Amino acid sequence: MTRTQTTVFVLVTLVALVLGLTVNKVLNSKGQGDPTVLLDAGIVLLPQSRSLPELSLTNQDGQTVAVDQLKDQWSLLFFGYTFCPDICPATLAQLRQLQGQLPPATLSKLRIIMVTVDPHRDTPEQLKKYLDYFDAGFIGLTGEQATIQKLANGVSIPFIPADTSKENYTVDHSGNLVLLGPDGKQRGFIRAPINNAKLVAQLPSLLDRP
């Protein structure tokens, strides 16, 4: 097993452990509605909401965005990159489809944000061009590698920075989504692969929560 493969294995194991502990706590907590139904839809709610790191990134329009101030709406954060050959385009296409299936009242409470794990290539201009292909309403965020890594670690979605000296490099990352509440705090995860049919059934009532 190579060093990179070992690192990937360790990261995947840690994420699985975090999600496993979270699932156990949620199943034994109260006041979360029906956690079994939510888990069947891939929605894992944290026992306690988690504040995001105080840091800023740049959106696809070149504007500064303080990630701990993403409030007033629910947000789904996806960590990916525009040169991704498989997971990212498939996930964004599913999210676009999901938006088309949600009731208008639910859709108005939700925003989709892709945080790049490849800031070397994903400039604001590149993000805008790429995301507009899926949905002009999707938000893209980029910034310094260390800043993005800090955010990813803060929401338990680790990734392995790529060796940018290699041509056509890829970035190892998770397909899980981060669920942020309208208070700007992390409420949980949506596990990959996304199941739109089950999410459409569960998100309207979930997003009705303050």
C-alpha atoms as a PDB file:
ATOM      1  CA  MET A   1       0.000   0.000   0.000  1.00  0.00           C
ATOM      2  CA  THR A   2       1.452   3.361  -1.007  1.00  0.00           C
ATOM      3  CA  ARG A   3       1.745   6.318   1.335  1.00  0.00           C
ATOM      4  CA  THR A   4      -1.122   8.099  -0.429  1.00  0.00           C
ATOM      5  CA  GLN A   5      -3.332   5.004  -0.230  1.00  0.00           C
ATOM      6  CA  THR A   6      -2.515   4.656   3.468  1.00  0.00           C
ATOM      7  CA  THR A   7      -3.431   8.308   4.076  1.00  0.00           C
ATOM      8  CA  VAL A   8      -6.702   7.885   2.190  1.00  0.00           C
ATOM      9  CA  PHE A   9      -7.518   4.768   4.215  1.00  0.00           C
ATOM     10  CA  VAL A  10      -6.846   6.576   7.503  1.00  0.00           C
ATOM     11  CA  LEU A  11      -9.005   9.553   6.493  1.00  0.00           C
ATOM     12  CA  VAL A  12     -11.870   7.335   5.360  1.00  0.00           C
ATOM     13  CA  THR A  13     -11.638   5.379   8.614  1.00  0.00           C
ATOM     14  CA  LEU A  14     -11.734   8.575  10.685  1.00  0.00           C
ATOM     15  CA  VAL A  15     -14.758   9.914   8.794  1.00  0.00           C
ATOM     16  CA  ALA A  16     -16.536   6.576   9.211  1.00  0.00           C
ATOM     17  CA  LEU A  17     -15.756   6.626  12.935  1.00  0.00           C
ATOM     18  CA  VAL A  18     -17.070  10.189  13.342  1.00  0.00           C
ATOM     19  CA  LEU A  19     -20.266   9.375  11.450  1.00  0.00           C
ATOM     20  CA  GLY A  20     -20.670   6.123  13.354  1.00  0.00           C
ATOM     21  CA  LEU A  21     -20.402   7.847  16.727  1.00  0.00           C
ATOM     22  CA  THR A  22     -22.756  10.574  15.540  1.00  0.00           C
ATOM     23  CA  VAL A  23     -25.343   8.069  14.367  1.00  0.00           C
ATOM     24  CA  ASN A  24     -25.187   6.278  17.702  1.00  0.00           C
ATOM     25  CA  LYS A  25     -25.695   9.526  19.637  1.00  0.00           C
ATOM     26  CA  VAL A  26     -28.551  10.625  17.395  1.00  0.00           C
ATOM     27  CA  LEU A  27     -30.346   7.307  17.741  1.00  0.00           C
ATOM     28  CA  ASN A  28     -30.139   7.648  21.510  1.00  0.00           C
ATOM     29  CA  SER A  29     -31.135  11.331  21.636  1.00  0.00           C
ATOM     30  CA  LYS A  30     -34.517  12.943  21.968  1.00  0.00           C
ATOM     31  CA  GLY A  31     -36.221  15.796  20.201  1.00  0.00           C
ATOM     32  CA  GLN A  32     -34.802  14.992  16.782  1.00  0.00           C
ATOM     33  CA  GLY A  33     -38.065  13.730  15.260  1.00  0.00           C
ATOM     34  CA  ASP A  34     -37.693  10.222  13.793  1.00  0.00           C
ATOM     35  CA  PRO A  35     -33.932   9.705  13.446  1.00  0.00           C
ATOM     36  CA  THR A  36     -34.381   6.295  11.834  1.00  0.00           C
ATOM     37  CA  VAL A  37     -36.292   7.795   8.899  1.00  0.00           C
ATOM     38  CA  LEU A  38     -33.743  10.600   8.549  1.00  0.00           C
ATOM     39  CA  LEU A  39     -30.850   8.154   8.605  1.00  0.00           C
ATOM     40  CA  ASP A  40     -32.551   6.061   5.943  1.00  0.00           C
ATOM     41  CA  ALA A  41     -32.520   9.194   3.776  1.00  0.00           C
ATOM     42  CA  GLY A  42     -28.811   9.635   4.480  1.00  0.00           C
ATOM     43  CA  ILE A  43     -29.346  12.565   6.876  1.00  0.00           C
ATOM     44  CA  VAL A  44     -27.174  12.428   9.999  1.00  0.00           C
ATOM     45  CA  LEU A  45     -27.967  15.139  12.547  1.00  0.00           C
ATOM     46  CA  LEU A  46     -25.383  16.100  15.147  1.00  0.00           C
ATOM     47  CA  PRO A  47     -26.471  15.813  18.794  1.00  0.00           C
ATOM     48  CA  GLN A  48     -25.344  19.443  19.189  1.00  0.00           C
ATOM     49  CA  SER A  49     -24.860  22.063  16.487  1.00  0.00           C
ATOM     50  CA  ARG A  50     -21.265  23.003  15.702  1.00  0.00           C
ATOM     51  CA  SER A  51     -19.929  26.486  14.993  1.00  0.00           C
ATOM     52  CA  LEU A  52     -17.894  26.947  11.827  1.00  0.00           C
ATOM     53  CA  PRO A  53     -14.321  28.290  11.930  1.00  0.00           C
ATOM     54  CA  GLU A  54     -14.050  32.057  11.654  1.00  0.00           C
ATOM     55  CA  LEU A  55     -12.522  32.413   8.206  1.00  0.00           C
ATOM     56  CA  SER A  56     -13.292  33.968   4.846  1.00  0.00           C
ATOM     57  CA  LEU A  57     -13.270  32.639   1.289  1.00  0.00           C
ATOM     58  CA  THR A  58     -13.971  34.203  -2.113  1.00  0.00           C
ATOM     59  CA  ASN A  59     -17.083  33.421  -4.133  1.00  0.00           C
ATOM     60  CA  GLN A  60     -17.392  33.037  -7.901  1.00  0.00           C
ATOM     61  CA  ASP A  61     -18.079  36.773  -8.244  1.00  0.00           C
ATOM     62  CA  GLY A  62     -14.879  37.729  -6.436  1.00  0.00           C
ATOM     63  CA  GLN A  63     -16.689  38.736  -3.239  1.00  0.00           C
ATOM     64  CA  THR A  64     -15.438  37.877   0.240  1.00  0.00           C
ATOM     65  CA  VAL A  65     -17.656  35.469   2.179  1.00  0.00           C
ATOM     66  CA  ALA A  66     -17.308  34.843   5.918  1.00  0.00           C
ATOM     67  CA  VAL A  67     -18.263  31.187   6.223  1.00  0.00           C
ATOM     68  CA  ASP A  68     -19.374  31.518   9.834  1.00  0.00           C
ATOM     69  CA  GLN A  69     -21.908  34.119   8.665  1.00  0.00           C
ATOM     70  CA  LEU A  70     -23.795  31.854   6.237  1.00  0.00           C
ATOM     71  CA  LYS A  71     -27.108  32.476   7.948  1.00  0.00           C
ATOM     72  CA  ASP A  72     -30.830  33.055   7.291  1.00  0.00           C
ATOM     73  CA  GLN A  73     -31.080  29.968   5.064  1.00  0.00           C
ATOM     74  CA  TRP A  74     -30.203  26.315   5.287  1.00  0.00           C
ATOM     75  CA  SER A  75     -27.075  25.477   3.313  1.00  0.00           C
ATOM     76  CA  LEU A  76     -25.671  22.328   1.769  1.00  0.00           C
ATOM     77  CA  LEU A  77     -21.874  22.478   1.487  1.00  0.00           C
ATOM     78  CA  PHE A  78     -20.198  20.182  -1.001  1.00  0.00           C
ATOM     79  CA  PHE A  79     -16.404  19.936  -1.138  1.00  0.00           C
ATOM     80  CA  GLY A  80     -15.325  19.283  -4.717  1.00  0.00           C
ATOM     81  CA  TYR A  81     -13.518  20.762  -7.718  1.00  0.00           C
ATOM     82  CA  THR A  82     -14.247  21.678 -11.305  1.00  0.00           C
ATOM     83  CA  PHE A  83     -11.740  19.253 -12.862  1.00  0.00           C
ATOM     84  CA  CYS A  84     -13.225  16.294 -10.964  1.00  0.00           C
ATOM     85  CA  PRO A  85     -13.918  13.436 -13.402  1.00  0.00           C
ATOM     86  CA  ASP A  86     -16.826  11.752 -11.637  1.00  0.00           C
ATOM     87  CA  ILE A  87     -18.126  12.495  -8.118  1.00  0.00           C
ATOM     88  CA  CYS A  88     -18.489  16.268  -8.492  1.00  0.00           C
ATOM     89  CA  PRO A  89     -20.429  16.524 -11.765  1.00  0.00           C
ATOM     90  CA  ALA A  90     -22.671  13.644 -10.689  1.00  0.00           C
ATOM     91  CA  THR A  91     -23.367  15.248  -7.289  1.00  0.00           C
ATOM     92  CA  LEU A  92     -24.045  18.705  -8.729  1.00  0.00           C
ATOM     93  CA  ALA A  93     -26.389  17.215 -11.326  1.00  0.00           C
ATOM     94  CA  GLN A  94     -28.262  15.426  -8.534  1.00  0.00           C
ATOM     95  CA  LEU A  95     -28.483  18.619  -6.488  1.00  0.00           C
ATOM     96  CA  ARG A  96     -29.867  20.469  -9.496  1.00  0.00           C
ATOM     97  CA  GLN A  97     -32.448  17.719  -9.910  1.00  0.00           C
ATOM     98  CA  LEU A  98     -33.231  17.803  -6.188  1.00  0.00           C
ATOM     99  CA  GLN A  99     -33.997  21.515  -6.356  1.00  0.00           C
ATOM    100  CA  GLY A 100     -36.459  20.878  -9.159  1.00  0.00           C
ATOM    101  CA  GLN A 101     -38.291  18.311  -7.046  1.00  0.00           C
ATOM    102  CA  LEU A 102     -38.579  20.315  -3.812  1.00  0.00           C
ATOM    103  CA  PRO A 103     -41.662  22.437  -3.063  1.00  0.00           C
ATOM    104  CA  PRO A 104     -41.087  26.165  -3.715  1.00  0.00           C
ATOM    105  CA  ALA A 105     -41.432  26.964  -0.005  1.00  0.00           C
ATOM    106  CA  THR A 106     -38.655  24.505   0.853  1.00  0.00           C
ATOM    107  CA  LEU A 107     -36.469  25.561  -2.054  1.00  0.00           C
ATOM    108  CA  SER A 108     -36.552  29.192  -0.875  1.00  0.00           C
ATOM    109  CA  LYS A 109     -34.949  28.106   2.405  1.00  0.00           C
ATOM    110  CA  LEU A 110     -32.032  26.274   0.808  1.00  0.00           C
ATOM    111  CA  ARG A 111     -28.786  27.222  -0.932  1.00  0.00           C
ATOM    112  CA  ILE A 112     -26.167  24.994  -2.508  1.00  0.00           C
ATOM    113  CA  ILE A 113     -22.486  25.822  -2.002  1.00  0.00           C
ATOM    114  CA  MET A 114     -19.464  24.096  -3.505  1.00  0.00           C
ATOM    115  CA  VAL A 115     -16.177  24.698  -1.691  1.00  0.00           C
ATOM    116  CA  THR A 116     -13.261  23.849  -3.960  1.00  0.00           C
ATOM    117  CA  VAL A 117     -10.565  21.457  -2.814  1.00  0.00           C
ATOM    118  CA  ASP A 118      -8.452  22.562  -5.787  1.00  0.00           C
ATOM    119  CA  PRO A 119      -7.833  26.305  -5.366  1.00  0.00           C
ATOM    120  CA  HIS A 120      -4.747  26.049  -7.596  1.00  0.00           C
ATOM    121  CA  ARG A 121      -7.005  25.710 -10.657  1.00  0.00           C
ATOM    122  CA  ASP A 122     -10.393  26.815  -9.340  1.00  0.00           C
ATOM    123  CA  THR A 123     -10.300  30.591  -9.621  1.00  0.00           C
ATOM    124  CA  PRO A 124     -13.534  32.538  -9.094  1.00  0.00           C
ATOM    125  CA  GLU A 125     -13.889  32.770 -12.878  1.00  0.00           C
ATOM    126  CA  GLN A 126     -13.454  29.012 -13.313  1.00  0.00           C
ATOM    127  CA  LEU A 127     -15.975  28.293 -10.555  1.00  0.00           C
ATOM    128  CA  LYS A 128     -18.543  30.621 -12.089  1.00  0.00           C
ATOM    129  CA  LYS A 129     -18.228  29.091 -15.540  1.00  0.00           C
ATOM    130  CA  TYR A 130     -18.484  25.570 -14.153  1.00  0.00           C
ATOM    131  CA  LEU A 131     -21.361  26.108 -11.718  1.00  0.00           C
ATOM    132  CA  ASP A 132     -23.422  28.092 -14.222  1.00  0.00           C
ATOM    133  CA  TYR A 133     -23.556  24.926 -16.299  1.00  0.00           C
ATOM    134  CA  PHE A 134     -25.471  23.206 -13.484  1.00  0.00           C
ATOM    135  CA  ASP A 135     -27.379  26.085 -11.890  1.00  0.00           C
ATOM    136  CA  ALA A 136     -26.623  29.808 -11.881  1.00  0.00           C
ATOM    137  CA  GLY A 137     -27.869  29.920  -8.287  1.00  0.00           C
ATOM    138  CA  PHE A 138     -25.175  27.579  -6.986  1.00  0.00           C
ATOM    139  CA  ILE A 139     -22.459  29.334  -4.964  1.00  0.00           C
ATOM    140  CA  GLY A 140     -18.772  28.514  -5.379  1.00  0.00           C
ATOM    141  CA  LEU A 141     -16.070  29.315  -2.823  1.00  0.00           C
ATOM    142  CA  THR A 142     -12.301  29.303  -3.225  1.00  0.00           C
ATOM    143  CA  GLY A 143      -9.317  30.686  -1.308  1.00  0.00           C
ATOM    144  CA  GLU A 144      -5.981  29.722   0.179  1.00  0.00           C
ATOM    145  CA  GLN A 145      -5.307  25.992   0.479  1.00  0.00           C
ATOM    146  CA  ALA A 146      -4.697  26.214   4.233  1.00  0.00           C
ATOM    147  CA  THR A 147      -7.939  28.137   4.778  1.00  0.00           C
ATOM    148  CA  ILE A 148      -9.991  25.589   2.850  1.00  0.00           C
ATOM    149  CA  GLN A 149      -8.312  22.750   4.731  1.00  0.00           C
ATOM    150  CA  LYS A 150      -9.189  24.418   8.032  1.00  0.00           C
ATOM    151  CA  LEU A 151     -12.845  24.667   7.039  1.00  0.00           C
ATOM    152  CA  ALA A 152     -12.927  21.063   5.814  1.00  0.00           C
ATOM    153  CA  ASN A 153     -11.397  19.802   9.050  1.00  0.00           C
ATOM    154  CA  GLY A 154     -13.798  21.968  11.053  1.00  0.00           C
ATOM    155  CA  VAL A 155     -16.833  20.269   9.515  1.00  0.00           C
ATOM    156  CA  SER A 156     -15.259  16.774   9.455  1.00  0.00           C
ATOM    157  CA  ILE A 157     -14.975  16.496   5.668  1.00  0.00           C
ATOM    158  CA  PRO A 158     -11.210  15.957   5.250  1.00  0.00           C
ATOM    159  CA  PHE A 159      -9.494  15.782   1.881  1.00  0.00           C
ATOM    160  CA  ILE A 160      -5.961  15.199   0.637  1.00  0.00           C
ATOM    161  CA  PRO A 161      -4.345  18.213  -1.091  1.00  0.00           C
ATOM    162  CA  ALA A 162      -3.052  17.233  -4.514  1.00  0.00           C
ATOM    163  CA  ASP A 163       0.457  17.374  -5.887  1.00  0.00           C
ATOM    164  CA  THR A 164      -0.117  20.289  -8.243  1.00  0.00           C
ATOM    165  CA  SER A 165       3.206  19.689 -10.011  1.00  0.00           C
ATOM    166  CA  LYS A 166       1.685  16.673 -11.742  1.00  0.00           C
ATOM    167  CA  GLU A 167      -0.228  17.131 -14.973  1.00  0.00           C
ATOM    168  CA  ASN A 168      -3.965  16.395 -14.857  1.00  0.00           C
ATOM    169  CA  TYR A 169      -3.821  15.660 -11.131  1.00  0.00           C
ATOM    170  CA  THR A 170      -6.905  14.611  -9.175  1.00  0.00           C
ATOM    171  CA  VAL A 171      -7.902  15.359  -5.583  1.00  0.00           C
ATOM    172  CA  ASP A 172      -9.103  12.705  -3.135  1.00  0.00           C
ATOM    173  CA  HIS A 173     -12.177  14.005  -1.317  1.00  0.00           C
ATOM    174  CA  SER A 174     -15.469  12.951   0.251  1.00  0.00           C
ATOM    175  CA  GLY A 175     -18.849  13.025  -1.469  1.00  0.00           C
ATOM    176  CA  ASN A 176     -20.712  13.763   1.780  1.00  0.00           C
ATOM    177  CA  LEU A 177     -22.578  17.055   2.144  1.00  0.00           C
ATOM    178  CA  VAL A 178     -22.453  19.363   5.160  1.00  0.00           C
ATOM    179  CA  LEU A 179     -25.810  20.579   6.471  1.00  0.00           C
ATOM    180  CA  LEU A 180     -25.810  24.109   7.907  1.00  0.00           C
ATOM    181  CA  GLY A 181     -28.797  25.590   9.729  1.00  0.00           C
ATOM    182  CA  PRO A 182     -30.131  29.141   9.325  1.00  0.00           C
ATOM    183  CA  ASP A 183     -28.095  30.079  12.409  1.00  0.00           C
ATOM    184  CA  GLY A 184     -24.931  29.378  10.399  1.00  0.00           C
ATOM    185  CA  LYS A 185     -23.970  26.341  12.470  1.00  0.00           C
ATOM    186  CA  GLN A 186     -23.402  22.812  11.276  1.00  0.00           C
ATOM    187  CA  ARG A 187     -26.439  20.645  11.999  1.00  0.00           C
ATOM    188  CA  GLY A 188     -25.177  17.443  10.411  1.00  0.00           C
ATOM    189  CA  PHE A 189     -24.312  15.626   7.191  1.00  0.00           C
ATOM    190  CA  ILE A 190     -25.986  14.082   4.188  1.00  0.00           C
ATOM    191  CA  ARG A 191     -24.133  10.920   3.332  1.00  0.00           C
ATOM    192  CA  ALA A 192     -23.148   9.957  -0.183  1.00  0.00           C
ATOM    193  CA  PRO A 193     -24.499   8.615  -2.439  1.00  0.00           C
ATOM    194  CA  ILE A 194     -27.417  11.060  -2.451  1.00  0.00           C
ATOM    195  CA  ASN A 195     -30.901   9.581  -2.650  1.00  0.00           C
ATOM    196  CA  ASN A 196     -33.099  12.340  -4.077  1.00  0.00           C
ATOM    197  CA  ALA A 197     -36.383  10.494  -3.642  1.00  0.00           C
ATOM    198  CA  LYS A 198     -35.818  10.092   0.095  1.00  0.00           C
ATOM    199  CA  LEU A 199     -34.418  13.612   0.519  1.00  0.00           C
ATOM    200  CA  VAL A 200     -37.457  15.130  -1.180  1.00  0.00           C
ATOM    201  CA  ALA A 201     -39.609  13.350   1.400  1.00  0.00           C
ATOM    202  CA  GLN A 202     -37.574  14.473   4.424  1.00  0.00           C
ATOM    203  CA  LEU A 203     -36.114  17.917   3.665  1.00  0.00           C
ATOM    204  CA  PRO A 204     -39.382  19.947   3.750  1.00  0.00           C
ATOM    205  CA  SER A 205     -40.074  19.125   7.411  1.00  0.00           C
ATOM    206  CA  LEU A 206     -36.389  19.305   8.356  1.00  0.00           C
ATOM    207  CA  LEU A 207     -35.976  22.764   6.825  1.00  0.00           C
ATOM    208  CA  ASP A 208     -39.034  24.002   8.697  1.00  0.00           C
ATOM    209  CA  ARG A 209     -36.968  23.887  11.877  1.00  0.00           C
ATOM    210  CA  PRO A 210     -35.477  27.171  13.123  1.00  0.00           C
END
